[in-house]
Amino acid sequence: MGQGTHSSVHKTWRDNRWLIGLSVVIAGIAVAMAQNKVSPVMNMIITQFHTSASVAGWISSSFSLIAVLLSMTAANLADSIGIRKVGIFALIITVVGGLLGMFSTNIWFMLLTRVIEGTGVGIIAVIGPVLITQWFNSKNGLSIIMAIWTSWMTISQVIIFFTASPITSSFSWQGMWGLAIAFLIVGFVAFLLFVHQPQEIVEEHENRKDNRSTARKVLDSINIKTQFKAIKAAGKSSAFIGIAAFFFALCSFTFVSWIQSVWVQNVPGLSRGQINTMLSSMYFLEIFFTILAGVVLDKIKSENGKKIFGMSCAVLYGIIGLAAFNFIHTAALAWAIIIIFPIFDGSIPTTIYSLAPMSVKKAPLSANAIGIMNIGLNAGTFFAAPLAGSIMNMGSSMVGVMFIVSAILVALAFGFVTLYEGK
């Protein structure tokens, strides 16, 4: 049976795919709040725990490393244990990690709690899109709901930005942990009440002859051989989706990590505070551009058309990134970048998320493809700041060159993807 189909005879309001899809998105935003709550309070954490910026940086970057390690494990667990059970576990463990983190008395205990939280976030990052593909396909709104899902991190960043100042002034850094926990409780309730799989998928899972215990299934899912087998089963097209995801994340997080430093030096009259405000406005705009990209992709019915859209966005993205690092010397030009950049910074991940489940020959392998995609996204995120930082030593212009080269590699990777849905 194809992806995103649901043929159960006795449909109820609980089988409304948009209710299910949006509930998955709410859960995703909740765990993204857990991941991103650190950014506005990093200086508070450094001061309170008397630690260095490099050590404190692991409080944030550890999430990306954990997500890389968990991507295929999450896909295997969802397949062997059941995606709903795994999702509920992920949300619970993220809440537990957050509660423990609020009572941290040293940086190392906080890092441990972040590992616990990161486990939940890493799992949701994989199973969220998989659940969506079980209810949607390219003919009934997959690109639109994937665009909304793609905004999960951006939406959480906007919420955190607008609430950080009043909350931390009253409750210090612990207030951001409390805010994230409140969102997680809402996400957990939405997931528990509304999220489930189509009945035919549930029945197929129940009819499997698998006598392994739950513990054995978990151990098998963690097994390296099992993970490589899952990657191989997904096929070459999924590998190219992973490559596109890696180089996109390299571009995106290079921009957000280093553009402030470049513009402070190159654009007279812009302070770090003003640039931060500009970047916050940019990410607010990106939410709308991301959803708009999903609408556009939904209107493009041919597989090649979707690929060409992604390739075109990637090339333009590279040109804009090169300009941002090399040719911006006035505030007006900087604002132009702030307005144009999010169009493509939102369109490319929407394309990646939309094409990933279509890059496999059989619907059950979509979890493998999404796992590979998440490996690429998180590996790119993890390496972006240090790699670009090393290149910065040769001059900001070289970072611009790295940006456009990476973006062209995104376009080339899209070109090598074969899409199977609808054939």
Protein backbone atom coordinates (compact mmCIF):
# COMPACT_ATOMS: atom_id res chain seq x y z
CA MET A 1 0.00 0.00 0.00
CA GLY A 2 1.33 3.46 -0.87
CA GLN A 3 2.43 6.14 1.54
CA GLY A 4 -0.14 8.41 3.03
CA THR A 5 -3.11 6.18 2.24
CA HIS A 6 -5.78 5.24 4.71
CA SER A 7 -8.51 2.83 3.72
CA SER A 8 -10.09 1.95 7.03
CA VAL A 9 -13.84 1.46 6.59
CA HIS A 10 -14.86 2.94 9.94
CA LYS A 11 -13.34 6.42 9.88
CA THR A 12 -13.96 8.82 12.77
CA TRP A 13 -12.87 12.36 13.64
CA ARG A 14 -9.72 10.78 15.11
CA ASP A 15 -8.72 9.73 11.59
CA ASN A 16 -8.61 13.33 10.33
CA ARG A 17 -5.12 13.50 8.89
CA TRP A 18 -4.75 17.24 9.51
CA LEU A 19 -5.63 16.85 13.19
CA ILE A 20 -3.05 14.08 13.46
CA GLY A 21 -0.42 15.93 11.44
CA LEU A 22 -0.79 19.18 13.38
CA SER A 23 -0.66 17.28 16.68
CA VAL A 24 2.65 15.78 15.56
CA VAL A 25 3.87 19.29 14.73
CA ILE A 26 2.85 20.55 18.20
CA ALA A 27 4.84 17.72 19.79
CA GLY A 28 7.77 18.61 17.52
CA ILE A 29 7.70 22.28 18.52
CA ALA A 30 7.60 21.22 22.17
CA VAL A 31 10.79 19.15 21.93
CA ALA A 32 12.41 21.89 19.82
CA MET A 33 11.74 24.26 22.73
CA ALA A 34 13.74 21.86 24.89
CA GLN A 35 16.62 21.97 22.43
CA ASN A 36 16.72 25.72 21.81
CA LYS A 37 16.02 27.07 25.31
CA VAL A 38 19.77 27.33 26.00
CA SER A 39 20.66 30.02 23.45
CA PRO A 40 19.32 33.13 25.25
CA VAL A 41 20.68 32.04 28.67
CA MET A 42 24.14 30.80 27.71
CA ASN A 43 25.88 33.69 29.48
CA MET A 44 23.84 33.06 32.63
CA ILE A 45 24.89 29.41 32.62
CA ILE A 46 28.56 30.31 32.10
CA THR A 47 28.40 32.77 35.00
CA GLN A 48 26.44 30.59 37.45
CA PHE A 49 28.46 27.42 36.86
CA HIS A 50 31.83 29.18 36.49
CA THR A 51 32.62 27.43 33.25
CA SER A 52 34.15 28.36 29.91
CA ALA A 53 32.27 29.19 26.73
CA SER A 54 33.69 26.12 25.00
CA VAL A 55 32.43 23.75 27.71
CA ALA A 56 29.07 25.51 27.88
CA GLY A 57 28.82 25.22 24.10
CA TRP A 58 28.43 21.48 24.49
CA ILE A 59 25.17 22.16 26.32
CA SER A 60 23.81 23.19 22.92
CA SER A 61 25.88 21.26 20.37
CA SER A 62 25.56 17.89 22.16
CA PHE A 63 22.02 17.67 20.77
CA SER A 64 23.28 17.45 17.20
CA LEU A 65 25.75 14.69 18.04
CA ILE A 66 23.11 12.67 19.89
CA ALA A 67 20.68 13.10 17.00
CA VAL A 68 23.26 11.75 14.54
CA LEU A 69 23.81 8.70 16.72
CA LEU A 70 20.08 8.10 17.26
CA SER A 71 18.70 8.70 13.77
CA MET A 72 18.76 5.11 12.51
CA THR A 73 18.13 3.68 15.98
CA ALA A 74 14.91 5.71 16.16
CA ALA A 75 13.84 4.44 12.74
CA ASN A 76 14.52 0.82 13.79
CA LEU A 77 12.73 1.24 17.12
CA ALA A 78 9.67 2.73 15.43
CA ASP A 79 9.53 -0.25 13.08
CA SER A 80 10.05 -2.95 15.71
CA ILE A 81 8.26 -1.60 18.80
CA GLY A 82 5.68 0.72 17.29
CA ILE A 83 5.90 4.38 16.43
CA ARG A 84 3.27 5.59 18.92
CA LYS A 85 4.95 3.85 21.87
CA VAL A 86 8.34 5.23 20.86
CA GLY A 87 6.90 8.74 20.50
CA ILE A 88 5.29 8.67 23.95
CA PHE A 89 8.58 7.42 25.45
CA ALA A 90 10.50 10.21 23.69
CA LEU A 91 8.23 12.93 25.04
CA ILE A 92 8.32 11.52 28.58
CA ILE A 93 12.11 11.26 28.64
CA THR A 94 12.43 14.83 27.34
CA VAL A 95 10.25 16.05 30.23
CA VAL A 96 12.31 14.03 32.72
CA GLY A 97 15.55 15.48 31.36
CA GLY A 98 14.15 19.01 31.61
CA LEU A 99 12.94 18.53 35.19
CA LEU A 100 16.32 17.18 36.27
CA GLY A 101 18.06 20.02 34.43
CA MET A 102 16.20 22.66 36.44
CA PHE A 103 17.96 21.40 39.57
CA SER A 104 21.47 21.26 38.10
CA THR A 105 24.19 22.37 40.50
CA ASN A 106 27.14 21.97 38.13
CA ILE A 107 27.77 22.05 34.41
CA TRP A 108 28.47 18.32 34.12
CA PHE A 109 25.14 17.30 35.64
CA MET A 110 23.41 19.77 33.30
CA LEU A 111 25.24 18.19 30.37
CA LEU A 112 23.96 14.77 31.47
CA THR A 113 20.38 16.07 31.58
CA ARG A 114 20.86 17.55 28.11
CA VAL A 115 21.88 14.12 26.84
CA ILE A 116 18.63 12.74 28.30
CA GLU A 117 16.61 15.51 26.62
CA GLY A 118 18.54 15.08 23.40
CA THR A 119 17.55 11.42 23.28
CA GLY A 120 13.89 12.38 23.17
CA VAL A 121 14.43 15.14 20.63
CA GLY A 122 16.51 12.84 18.39
CA ILE A 123 13.71 10.27 18.34
CA ILE A 124 10.91 12.78 17.62
CA ALA A 125 12.97 14.29 14.78
CA VAL A 126 12.72 10.95 12.98
CA ILE A 127 9.30 9.60 13.91
CA GLY A 128 7.47 12.92 13.42
CA PRO A 129 8.00 13.02 9.65
CA VAL A 130 7.41 9.24 9.44
CA LEU A 131 4.00 9.62 11.07
CA ILE A 132 3.16 12.42 8.67
CA THR A 133 4.05 10.31 5.62
CA GLN A 134 1.74 7.55 6.86
CA TRP A 135 -1.25 9.90 6.58
CA PHE A 136 -0.20 12.17 3.71
CA ASN A 137 1.24 11.74 0.23
CA SER A 138 2.15 14.02 -2.67
CA LYS A 139 -1.47 13.99 -3.82
CA ASN A 140 -3.13 15.08 -0.57
CA GLY A 141 -1.01 17.79 1.02
CA LEU A 142 2.31 16.13 1.99
CA SER A 143 4.41 19.14 0.96
CA ILE A 144 2.21 21.56 2.95
CA ILE A 145 2.25 19.58 6.20
CA MET A 146 5.96 18.88 5.77
CA ALA A 147 6.54 22.63 5.37
CA ILE A 148 4.72 23.22 8.64
CA TRP A 149 6.79 20.46 10.25
CA THR A 150 9.98 21.94 8.79
CA SER A 151 9.22 25.14 10.74
CA TRP A 152 9.28 23.32 14.10
CA MET A 153 12.73 24.61 15.06
CA THR A 154 12.14 28.12 13.72
CA ILE A 155 8.81 28.48 15.54
CA SER A 156 10.45 27.39 18.80
CA GLN A 157 13.27 29.92 18.29
CA VAL A 158 10.79 32.74 17.72
CA ILE A 159 8.83 31.80 20.87
CA ILE A 160 12.02 31.62 22.90
CA PHE A 161 13.27 34.96 21.58
CA PHE A 162 10.06 36.82 22.46
CA THR A 163 9.71 35.26 25.92
CA ALA A 164 13.33 35.01 27.11
CA SER A 165 13.70 38.53 28.47
CA PRO A 166 10.61 38.70 30.73
CA ILE A 167 10.96 35.10 31.89
CA THR A 168 14.69 35.20 32.71
CA SER A 169 14.36 38.56 34.49
CA SER A 170 12.01 36.88 36.96
CA PHE A 171 13.18 33.25 37.04
CA SER A 172 16.75 33.31 35.65
CA TRP A 173 17.75 30.46 33.30
CA GLN A 174 15.46 28.01 35.12
CA GLY A 175 12.50 29.94 33.73
CA MET A 176 13.35 28.82 30.21
CA TRP A 177 13.48 25.20 31.40
CA GLY A 178 10.02 25.68 32.96
CA LEU A 179 8.67 27.18 29.74
CA ALA A 180 9.95 24.23 27.72
CA ILE A 181 8.41 21.75 30.17
CA ALA A 182 5.03 23.51 29.90
CA PHE A 183 5.17 23.19 26.10
CA LEU A 184 6.23 19.55 26.43
CA ILE A 185 3.20 18.77 28.56
CA VAL A 186 0.93 20.31 25.91
CA GLY A 187 2.78 18.36 23.20
CA PHE A 188 2.50 15.13 25.18
CA VAL A 189 -1.26 15.55 25.68
CA ALA A 190 -1.78 16.32 21.97
CA PHE A 191 0.29 13.30 20.94
CA LEU A 192 -1.42 10.99 23.45
CA LEU A 193 -4.95 12.04 22.49
CA PHE A 194 -4.77 12.47 18.74
CA VAL A 195 -1.74 10.77 17.20
CA HIS A 196 -2.03 7.22 15.91
CA GLN A 197 -1.21 5.25 12.80
CA PRO A 198 -3.62 4.21 10.03
CA GLN A 199 -5.40 1.00 10.96
CA GLU A 200 -3.90 -1.02 8.13
CA ILE A 201 -0.38 -0.19 9.33
CA VAL A 202 -1.30 -1.15 12.90
CA GLU A 203 -2.73 -4.45 11.68
CA GLU A 204 0.32 -5.17 9.54
CA HIS A 205 2.56 -4.55 12.56
CA GLU A 206 0.44 -6.78 14.83
CA ASN A 207 0.43 -9.62 12.28
CA ARG A 208 4.20 -9.85 12.11
CA LYS A 209 5.68 -13.03 13.51
CA ASP A 210 8.19 -11.39 15.85
CA ASN A 211 8.63 -13.20 19.15
CA ARG A 212 11.49 -11.05 20.40
CA SER A 213 11.13 -9.38 23.77
CA THR A 214 11.00 -5.58 23.94
CA ALA A 215 14.51 -5.55 25.43
CA ARG A 216 15.79 -7.68 22.54
CA LYS A 217 14.15 -5.35 20.02
CA VAL A 218 15.83 -2.33 21.64
CA LEU A 219 19.25 -4.03 21.61
CA ASP A 220 18.80 -5.08 17.98
CA SER A 221 17.82 -1.52 17.03
CA ILE A 222 21.00 -0.15 18.61
CA ASN A 223 23.17 -2.75 16.89
CA ILE A 224 25.54 -1.12 14.38
CA LYS A 225 25.02 -3.90 11.81
CA THR A 226 21.25 -3.37 11.97
CA GLN A 227 21.70 0.36 11.41
CA PHE A 228 23.96 -0.10 8.39
CA LYS A 229 21.51 -2.65 7.02
CA ALA A 230 18.72 -0.08 7.35
CA ILE A 231 20.82 2.56 5.56
CA LYS A 232 21.60 0.14 2.73
CA ALA A 233 17.95 -0.87 2.40
CA ALA A 234 16.91 2.74 1.83
CA GLY A 235 19.00 2.94 -1.34
CA LYS A 236 21.14 5.49 -3.18
CA SER A 237 18.47 8.16 -3.56
CA SER A 238 18.06 8.41 0.20
CA ALA A 239 21.83 8.75 0.51
CA PHE A 240 21.71 11.76 -1.83
CA ILE A 241 18.91 13.24 0.29
CA GLY A 242 21.23 12.86 3.28
CA ILE A 243 24.05 14.58 1.36
CA ALA A 244 21.74 17.46 0.41
CA ALA A 245 20.66 17.75 4.05
CA PHE A 246 24.29 17.81 5.26
CA PHE A 247 25.42 20.61 2.95
CA PHE A 248 22.23 22.62 3.53
CA ALA A 249 22.76 22.50 7.31
CA LEU A 250 26.41 23.45 6.77
CA CYS A 251 25.25 26.58 4.91
CA SER A 252 22.39 27.50 7.22
CA PHE A 253 24.30 27.20 10.48
CA THR A 254 27.41 28.83 9.05
CA PHE A 255 25.26 31.86 8.30
CA VAL A 256 23.63 32.08 11.72
CA SER A 257 26.93 31.38 13.54
CA TRP A 258 29.19 33.84 11.72
CA ILE A 259 27.24 36.52 9.85
CA GLN A 260 27.06 38.70 12.96
CA SER A 261 30.85 38.78 13.29
CA VAL A 262 31.28 39.56 9.59
CA TRP A 263 28.69 42.35 9.46
CA VAL A 264 29.95 44.01 12.66
CA GLN A 265 33.29 44.43 10.89
CA ASN A 266 32.04 45.16 7.36
CA VAL A 267 28.87 47.22 7.83
CA PRO A 268 29.38 50.62 9.49
CA GLY A 269 26.75 51.55 12.05
CA LEU A 270 25.48 48.03 12.78
CA SER A 271 25.99 46.77 16.34
CA ARG A 272 25.79 43.17 17.49
CA GLY A 273 22.48 43.94 19.19
CA GLN A 274 21.01 45.39 16.00
CA ILE A 275 22.17 42.39 13.97
CA ASN A 276 20.59 40.02 16.52
CA THR A 277 17.30 41.89 16.12
CA MET A 278 17.62 41.61 12.33
CA LEU A 279 18.27 37.87 12.56
CA SER A 280 15.26 37.39 14.85
CA SER A 281 13.09 39.20 12.29
CA MET A 282 14.56 36.99 9.56
CA TYR A 283 13.59 33.77 11.31
CA PHE A 284 10.09 35.11 11.97
CA LEU A 285 9.75 35.75 8.23
CA GLU A 286 11.15 32.31 7.48
CA ILE A 287 8.16 30.58 9.08
CA PHE A 288 5.87 32.06 6.40
CA PHE A 289 8.32 31.48 3.54
CA THR A 290 8.70 27.85 4.60
CA ILE A 291 4.96 27.23 4.52
CA LEU A 292 4.69 29.10 1.21
CA ALA A 293 7.37 26.77 -0.22
CA GLY A 294 5.23 23.82 0.86
CA VAL A 295 2.22 25.26 -0.97
CA VAL A 296 4.33 25.74 -4.11
CA LEU A 297 5.71 22.19 -3.91
CA ASP A 298 2.18 20.86 -3.42
CA LYS A 299 1.15 22.54 -6.68
CA ILE A 300 4.09 20.95 -8.55
CA LYS A 301 2.78 17.50 -9.42
CA SER A 302 5.74 16.05 -11.33
CA GLU A 303 8.66 14.48 -9.50
CA ASN A 304 11.18 16.21 -11.76
CA GLY A 305 9.46 19.52 -11.14
CA LYS A 306 9.96 19.16 -7.39
CA LYS A 307 13.64 18.36 -7.94
CA ILE A 308 14.12 21.35 -10.26
CA PHE A 309 12.48 23.60 -7.65
CA GLY A 310 14.94 22.37 -5.01
CA MET A 311 17.94 22.68 -7.33
CA SER A 312 17.01 26.22 -8.36
CA CYS A 313 16.53 27.29 -4.73
CA ALA A 314 19.91 25.80 -3.79
CA VAL A 315 21.80 27.70 -6.53
CA LEU A 316 20.15 31.01 -5.63
CA TYR A 317 20.80 30.28 -1.94
CA GLY A 318 24.50 29.90 -2.70
CA ILE A 319 24.64 33.22 -4.58
CA ILE A 320 22.88 35.04 -1.73
CA GLY A 321 25.17 33.44 0.87
CA LEU A 322 28.25 34.44 -1.12
CA ALA A 323 26.95 38.01 -1.32
CA ALA A 324 26.14 38.08 2.42
CA PHE A 325 29.71 37.24 3.42
CA ASN A 326 31.55 39.15 0.68
CA PHE A 327 29.64 42.15 -0.67
CA ILE A 328 27.49 43.65 2.11
CA HIS A 329 28.81 47.04 3.27
CA THR A 330 25.66 49.05 4.05
CA ALA A 331 22.74 48.53 6.42
CA ALA A 332 20.29 48.68 3.49
CA LEU A 333 22.01 45.77 1.75
CA ALA A 334 22.12 43.85 5.03
CA TRP A 335 18.35 44.29 5.37
CA ALA A 336 17.91 43.09 1.80
CA ILE A 337 19.73 39.88 2.71
CA ILE A 338 17.57 39.53 5.84
CA ILE A 339 14.44 39.63 3.66
CA ILE A 340 15.66 37.45 0.76
CA PHE A 341 17.76 34.83 2.59
CA PRO A 342 14.84 33.19 4.50
CA ILE A 343 12.98 32.51 1.24
CA PHE A 344 15.60 29.92 0.33
CA ASP A 345 16.62 28.98 3.88
CA GLY A 346 13.01 27.82 4.28
CA SER A 347 12.42 26.39 0.80
CA ILE A 348 15.38 24.00 0.75
CA PRO A 349 14.62 22.07 3.97
CA THR A 350 10.95 21.91 2.94
CA THR A 351 12.08 20.27 -0.31
CA ILE A 352 14.39 17.89 1.59
CA TYR A 353 11.62 16.82 3.99
CA SER A 354 9.13 16.43 1.14
CA LEU A 355 11.44 14.37 -1.10
CA ALA A 356 12.90 12.10 1.62
CA PRO A 357 9.88 9.74 1.92
CA MET A 358 9.61 9.68 -1.89
CA SER A 359 13.23 8.56 -2.31
CA VAL A 360 12.51 4.93 -1.37
CA LYS A 361 10.78 2.24 -3.42
CA LYS A 362 8.57 0.94 -0.61
CA ALA A 363 6.55 2.94 1.94
CA PRO A 364 7.90 1.09 5.05
CA LEU A 365 11.41 2.27 4.12
CA SER A 366 10.43 5.94 4.53
CA ALA A 367 11.58 5.77 8.17
CA ASN A 368 15.04 4.72 6.97
CA ALA A 369 15.14 7.61 4.49
CA ILE A 370 14.10 10.12 7.14
CA GLY A 371 16.71 8.67 9.50
CA ILE A 372 19.40 9.21 6.84
CA MET A 373 18.11 12.73 6.25
CA ASN A 374 18.40 13.51 9.96
CA ILE A 375 21.95 12.19 10.06
CA GLY A 376 22.81 14.67 7.30
CA LEU A 377 21.01 17.61 8.92
CA ASN A 378 22.52 17.08 12.35
CA ALA A 379 26.03 16.28 11.11
CA GLY A 380 25.97 19.49 9.08
CA THR A 381 24.74 21.43 12.10
CA PHE A 382 27.44 19.92 14.29
CA PHE A 383 30.33 20.73 11.94
CA ALA A 384 29.13 24.11 10.59
CA ALA A 385 30.35 26.50 13.29
CA PRO A 386 33.84 24.98 13.87
CA LEU A 387 34.50 24.38 10.16
CA ALA A 388 33.47 27.88 9.16
CA GLY A 389 35.42 29.24 12.14
CA SER A 390 38.57 27.60 10.84
CA ILE A 391 37.96 29.00 7.36
CA MET A 392 37.30 32.47 8.88
CA ASN A 393 41.00 32.56 9.76
CA MET A 394 41.64 32.87 6.01
CA GLY A 395 39.11 35.71 5.74
CA SER A 396 35.34 36.07 5.64
CA SER A 397 35.39 35.98 1.84
CA MET A 398 36.50 32.35 2.00
CA VAL A 399 33.46 31.53 4.15
CA GLY A 400 31.32 32.92 1.35
CA VAL A 401 33.12 30.64 -1.09
CA MET A 402 32.50 27.67 1.21
CA PHE A 403 28.83 28.66 1.35
CA ILE A 404 28.27 28.75 -2.42
CA VAL A 405 30.25 25.53 -2.99
CA SER A 406 28.14 23.76 -0.34
CA ALA A 407 24.91 25.11 -1.86
CA ILE A 408 25.91 23.88 -5.33
CA LEU A 409 26.55 20.45 -3.82
CA VAL A 410 22.99 20.58 -2.43
CA ALA A 411 21.70 21.23 -5.96
CA LEU A 412 23.81 18.41 -7.41
CA ALA A 413 22.58 15.98 -4.73
CA PHE A 414 18.95 16.84 -5.59
CA GLY A 415 19.77 16.11 -9.22
CA PHE A 416 20.87 12.54 -8.41
CA VAL A 417 17.73 11.70 -6.40
CA THR A 418 15.24 9.31 -8.01
CA LEU A 419 11.68 9.73 -6.77
CA TYR A 420 9.41 6.68 -6.69
CA GLU A 421 6.02 7.81 -5.45
CA GLY A 422 3.48 8.04 -8.21
CA LYS A 423 5.43 5.79 -10.63
